[in-house]
């Protein structure tokens, strides 16, 4: 599975791009599915939690989740698509 790249848009206008480490992906799944079940989860909250946990564990964000969620406008996975000649990728969110 390729690494997930994300971008967070803060309310103060800054952005933060980062890779989501495998450990954070697993921790997020375990947090939302502690029994290991495969039922539905709140995908919106899980996406924001994934972003926050990545930043928090890397030392880029010291705020707790509830404080941080009020500090951002959005968080999204960054998808890299090759440009028209197939060389350098462009980033879309």
N, C-alpha and C. Protein backbone atom coordinates (compact mmCIF):
# COMPACT_ATOMS: atom_id res chain seq x y z
N UNK A 1 0.84 -1.17 0.00
CA UNK A 1 0.00 0.00 0.00
C UNK A 1 0.89 1.24 0.00
N UNK A 2 0.69 2.15 -0.96
CA UNK A 2 1.53 3.34 -1.01
C UNK A 2 1.23 4.27 0.17
N UNK A 3 2.23 5.05 0.53
CA UNK A 3 2.06 6.01 1.62
C UNK A 3 1.00 7.03 1.26
N UNK A 4 0.22 7.43 2.24
CA UNK A 4 -0.79 8.44 2.05
C UNK A 4 -0.18 9.80 2.35
N UNK A 5 -0.38 10.74 1.43
CA UNK A 5 0.08 12.10 1.64
C UNK A 5 -1.15 12.96 1.91
N UNK A 6 -1.05 13.85 2.90
CA UNK A 6 -2.18 14.70 3.24
C UNK A 6 -1.76 16.16 3.29
N UNK A 7 -2.76 17.02 3.23
CA UNK A 7 -2.55 18.46 3.38
C UNK A 7 -3.62 18.98 4.33
N UNK A 8 -3.19 19.79 5.28
CA UNK A 8 -4.09 20.44 6.22
C UNK A 8 -4.09 21.94 5.91
N UNK A 9 -5.28 22.52 5.89
CA UNK A 9 -5.45 23.94 5.66
C UNK A 9 -5.86 24.59 6.98
N UNK A 10 -4.97 25.40 7.55
CA UNK A 10 -5.25 26.06 8.82
C UNK A 10 -6.05 27.34 8.61
N UNK A 11 -6.77 27.75 9.63
CA UNK A 11 -7.60 28.97 9.55
C UNK A 11 -6.74 30.22 9.39
N UNK A 12 -5.47 30.17 9.78
CA UNK A 12 -4.60 31.33 9.65
C UNK A 12 -3.96 31.44 8.27
N UNK A 13 -4.34 30.54 7.34
CA UNK A 13 -3.86 30.60 5.96
C UNK A 13 -2.70 29.68 5.63
N UNK A 14 -2.06 29.12 6.61
CA UNK A 14 -0.93 28.23 6.31
C UNK A 14 -1.44 26.84 5.94
N UNK A 15 -0.59 26.10 5.27
CA UNK A 15 -0.89 24.71 4.95
C UNK A 15 0.26 23.84 5.45
N UNK A 16 -0.05 22.59 5.66
CA UNK A 16 0.96 21.62 6.10
C UNK A 16 0.78 20.36 5.29
N UNK A 17 1.82 19.96 4.56
CA UNK A 17 1.81 18.70 3.80
C UNK A 17 2.64 17.68 4.57
N UNK A 18 2.20 16.43 4.56
CA UNK A 18 2.92 15.41 5.31
C UNK A 18 2.50 14.03 4.82
N UNK A 19 3.35 13.06 5.09
CA UNK A 19 3.03 11.65 4.83
C UNK A 19 2.43 11.06 6.09
N UNK A 20 1.48 10.17 5.92
CA UNK A 20 0.86 9.48 7.05
C UNK A 20 1.61 8.17 7.25
N UNK A 21 2.32 8.03 8.36
CA UNK A 21 3.08 6.80 8.60
C UNK A 21 2.16 5.59 8.81
N UNK A 22 2.63 4.41 8.47
CA UNK A 22 1.83 3.20 8.67
C UNK A 22 1.33 3.05 10.11
N UNK A 23 2.16 3.39 11.10
CA UNK A 23 1.76 3.26 12.50
C UNK A 23 0.53 4.13 12.79
N UNK A 24 0.49 5.32 12.22
CA UNK A 24 -0.65 6.22 12.44
C UNK A 24 -1.91 5.66 11.77
N UNK A 25 -1.74 5.07 10.61
CA UNK A 25 -2.90 4.45 9.95
C UNK A 25 -3.48 3.35 10.82
N UNK A 26 -2.61 2.52 11.36
CA UNK A 26 -3.06 1.42 12.23
C UNK A 26 -3.67 1.95 13.52
N UNK A 27 -3.06 2.95 14.12
CA UNK A 27 -3.59 3.51 15.36
C UNK A 27 -4.97 4.12 15.15
N UNK A 28 -5.17 4.75 14.00
CA UNK A 28 -6.48 5.35 13.70
C UNK A 28 -7.53 4.27 13.54
N UNK A 29 -7.20 3.21 12.82
CA UNK A 29 -8.14 2.09 12.68
C UNK A 29 -8.47 1.48 14.03
N UNK A 30 -7.46 1.29 14.86
CA UNK A 30 -7.69 0.70 16.18
C UNK A 30 -8.53 1.61 17.06
N UNK A 31 -8.35 2.93 16.93
CA UNK A 31 -9.11 3.88 17.72
C UNK A 31 -10.60 3.83 17.36
N UNK A 32 -10.88 3.73 16.07
CA UNK A 32 -12.27 3.74 15.62
C UNK A 32 -12.90 2.34 15.58
N UNK A 33 -12.07 1.30 15.63
CA UNK A 33 -12.57 -0.07 15.64
C UNK A 33 -11.81 -0.88 16.68
N UNK A 34 -12.01 -0.57 17.95
CA UNK A 34 -11.22 -1.26 18.98
C UNK A 34 -11.45 -2.76 19.02
N UNK A 35 -12.60 -3.22 18.53
CA UNK A 35 -12.88 -4.66 18.54
C UNK A 35 -12.42 -5.34 17.26
N UNK A 36 -11.79 -4.57 16.36
CA UNK A 36 -11.31 -5.13 15.10
C UNK A 36 -12.41 -5.38 14.09
N UNK A 37 -13.61 -4.91 14.38
CA UNK A 37 -14.75 -5.11 13.49
C UNK A 37 -14.59 -4.37 12.16
N UNK A 38 -15.47 -4.68 11.26
CA UNK A 38 -15.41 -4.06 9.94
C UNK A 38 -16.63 -3.20 9.67
N UNK A 39 -17.35 -2.83 10.71
CA UNK A 39 -18.55 -2.01 10.56
C UNK A 39 -18.22 -0.61 10.10
N UNK A 40 -19.26 0.15 9.83
CA UNK A 40 -19.11 1.52 9.39
C UNK A 40 -18.49 2.38 10.50
N UNK A 41 -17.65 3.31 10.08
CA UNK A 41 -17.08 4.28 11.01
C UNK A 41 -17.42 5.66 10.50
N UNK A 42 -17.24 6.66 11.33
CA UNK A 42 -17.42 8.04 10.92
C UNK A 42 -16.19 8.43 10.11
N UNK A 43 -16.31 8.35 8.80
CA UNK A 43 -15.16 8.56 7.92
C UNK A 43 -14.63 9.98 7.96
N UNK A 44 -15.50 10.94 8.18
CA UNK A 44 -15.05 12.33 8.26
C UNK A 44 -14.18 12.51 9.51
N UNK A 45 -14.67 12.07 10.65
CA UNK A 45 -13.89 12.21 11.89
C UNK A 45 -12.60 11.40 11.79
N UNK A 46 -12.65 10.23 11.20
CA UNK A 46 -11.45 9.40 11.06
C UNK A 46 -10.40 10.10 10.20
N UNK A 47 -10.81 10.78 9.13
CA UNK A 47 -9.86 11.50 8.27
C UNK A 47 -9.17 12.60 9.06
N UNK A 48 -9.96 13.40 9.81
CA UNK A 48 -9.37 14.48 10.59
C UNK A 48 -8.48 13.93 11.70
N UNK A 49 -8.90 12.86 12.32
CA UNK A 49 -8.09 12.24 13.37
C UNK A 49 -6.77 11.72 12.80
N UNK A 50 -6.83 11.11 11.62
CA UNK A 50 -5.63 10.62 10.95
C UNK A 50 -4.65 11.76 10.70
N UNK A 51 -5.17 12.89 10.22
CA UNK A 51 -4.31 14.05 9.95
C UNK A 51 -3.71 14.57 11.26
N UNK A 52 -4.56 14.77 12.27
CA UNK A 52 -4.07 15.29 13.55
C UNK A 52 -3.02 14.35 14.16
N UNK A 53 -3.30 13.07 14.18
CA UNK A 53 -2.39 12.12 14.80
C UNK A 53 -1.04 12.10 14.09
N UNK A 54 -1.06 12.22 12.77
CA UNK A 54 0.20 12.27 12.01
C UNK A 54 1.03 13.48 12.42
N UNK A 55 0.38 14.64 12.47
CA UNK A 55 1.09 15.86 12.85
C UNK A 55 1.52 15.82 14.31
N UNK A 56 0.66 15.33 15.17
CA UNK A 56 0.95 15.27 16.60
C UNK A 56 2.14 14.36 16.90
N UNK A 57 2.13 13.16 16.31
CA UNK A 57 3.22 12.20 16.56
C UNK A 57 4.54 12.66 15.96
N UNK A 58 4.48 13.46 14.89
CA UNK A 58 5.72 13.95 14.28
C UNK A 58 6.28 15.18 14.99
N UNK A 59 5.52 15.71 15.97
CA UNK A 59 5.97 16.89 16.71
C UNK A 59 5.61 18.20 16.04
N UNK A 60 4.85 18.16 14.94
CA UNK A 60 4.46 19.38 14.23
C UNK A 60 3.22 20.03 14.82
N UNK A 61 2.52 19.32 15.69
CA UNK A 61 1.29 19.87 16.29
C UNK A 61 1.22 19.43 17.75
N UNK A 62 1.19 20.43 18.64
CA UNK A 62 1.15 20.11 20.07
C UNK A 62 -0.26 20.16 20.65
N UNK A 63 -1.19 20.79 19.94
CA UNK A 63 -2.56 20.90 20.44
C UNK A 63 -3.24 19.54 20.49
N UNK A 64 -4.16 19.39 21.45
CA UNK A 64 -4.94 18.15 21.47
C UNK A 64 -5.95 18.19 20.31
N UNK A 65 -6.56 17.05 20.03
CA UNK A 65 -7.44 16.93 18.86
C UNK A 65 -8.58 17.95 18.89
N UNK A 66 -9.25 18.08 20.02
CA UNK A 66 -10.41 18.98 20.11
C UNK A 66 -10.02 20.44 19.89
N UNK A 67 -8.85 20.84 20.34
CA UNK A 67 -8.37 22.20 20.11
C UNK A 67 -7.97 22.38 18.66
N UNK A 68 -7.24 21.39 18.12
CA UNK A 68 -6.74 21.46 16.74
C UNK A 68 -7.86 21.53 15.73
N UNK A 69 -8.93 20.80 15.93
CA UNK A 69 -10.01 20.77 14.94
C UNK A 69 -10.60 22.16 14.73
N UNK A 70 -10.56 23.01 15.76
CA UNK A 70 -11.03 24.39 15.61
C UNK A 70 -9.99 25.30 14.97
N UNK A 71 -8.79 24.81 14.79
CA UNK A 71 -7.71 25.59 14.18
C UNK A 71 -7.58 25.37 12.68
N UNK A 72 -8.37 24.44 12.12
CA UNK A 72 -8.23 24.12 10.71
C UNK A 72 -9.51 24.42 9.93
N UNK A 73 -9.32 24.63 8.63
CA UNK A 73 -10.45 24.77 7.71
C UNK A 73 -10.78 23.45 7.04
N UNK A 74 -9.73 22.65 6.77
CA UNK A 74 -9.95 21.39 6.06
C UNK A 74 -8.70 20.53 6.13
N UNK A 75 -8.88 19.27 5.81
CA UNK A 75 -7.78 18.32 5.65
C UNK A 75 -8.17 17.41 4.51
N UNK A 76 -7.21 17.06 3.67
CA UNK A 76 -7.52 16.24 2.51
C UNK A 76 -6.33 15.39 2.13
N UNK A 77 -6.64 14.26 1.52
CA UNK A 77 -5.59 13.43 0.95
C UNK A 77 -5.09 14.10 -0.32
N UNK A 78 -3.79 14.10 -0.52
CA UNK A 78 -3.20 14.68 -1.72
C UNK A 78 -3.01 13.57 -2.73
N UNK A 79 -3.55 13.77 -3.91
CA UNK A 79 -3.44 12.79 -4.99
C UNK A 79 -2.49 13.33 -6.03
N UNK A 80 -1.45 12.57 -6.33
CA UNK A 80 -0.49 13.00 -7.34
C UNK A 80 -0.84 12.37 -8.67
N UNK A 81 -1.02 13.23 -9.67
CA UNK A 81 -1.34 12.76 -11.01
C UNK A 81 -0.23 13.22 -11.96
N UNK A 82 0.21 12.37 -12.88
CA UNK A 82 1.25 12.80 -13.82
C UNK A 82 0.71 13.89 -14.74
N UNK A 83 1.60 14.81 -15.14
CA UNK A 83 1.15 15.86 -16.06
C UNK A 83 0.93 15.27 -17.45
N UNK A 84 0.56 16.09 -18.40
CA UNK A 84 0.16 15.60 -19.72
C UNK A 84 1.25 14.84 -20.45
N UNK A 85 2.53 15.13 -20.19
CA UNK A 85 3.60 14.40 -20.86
C UNK A 85 4.10 13.22 -20.03
N UNK A 86 3.44 12.98 -18.88
CA UNK A 86 3.76 11.80 -18.07
C UNK A 86 4.97 11.94 -17.18
N UNK A 87 5.53 13.14 -17.06
CA UNK A 87 6.73 13.27 -16.24
C UNK A 87 6.42 13.70 -14.81
N UNK A 88 6.56 14.98 -14.51
CA UNK A 88 6.40 15.39 -13.11
C UNK A 88 4.93 15.44 -12.70
N UNK A 89 4.67 15.00 -11.47
CA UNK A 89 3.26 14.96 -11.03
C UNK A 89 2.75 16.34 -10.63
N UNK A 90 1.46 16.54 -10.76
CA UNK A 90 0.81 17.70 -10.21
C UNK A 90 -0.02 17.22 -9.03
N UNK A 91 -0.23 18.08 -8.08
CA UNK A 91 -0.93 17.69 -6.86
C UNK A 91 -2.34 18.26 -6.87
N UNK A 92 -3.31 17.40 -6.59
CA UNK A 92 -4.69 17.84 -6.43
C UNK A 92 -5.19 17.35 -5.10
N UNK A 93 -6.09 18.09 -4.52
CA UNK A 93 -6.68 17.67 -3.24
C UNK A 93 -8.15 17.45 -3.43
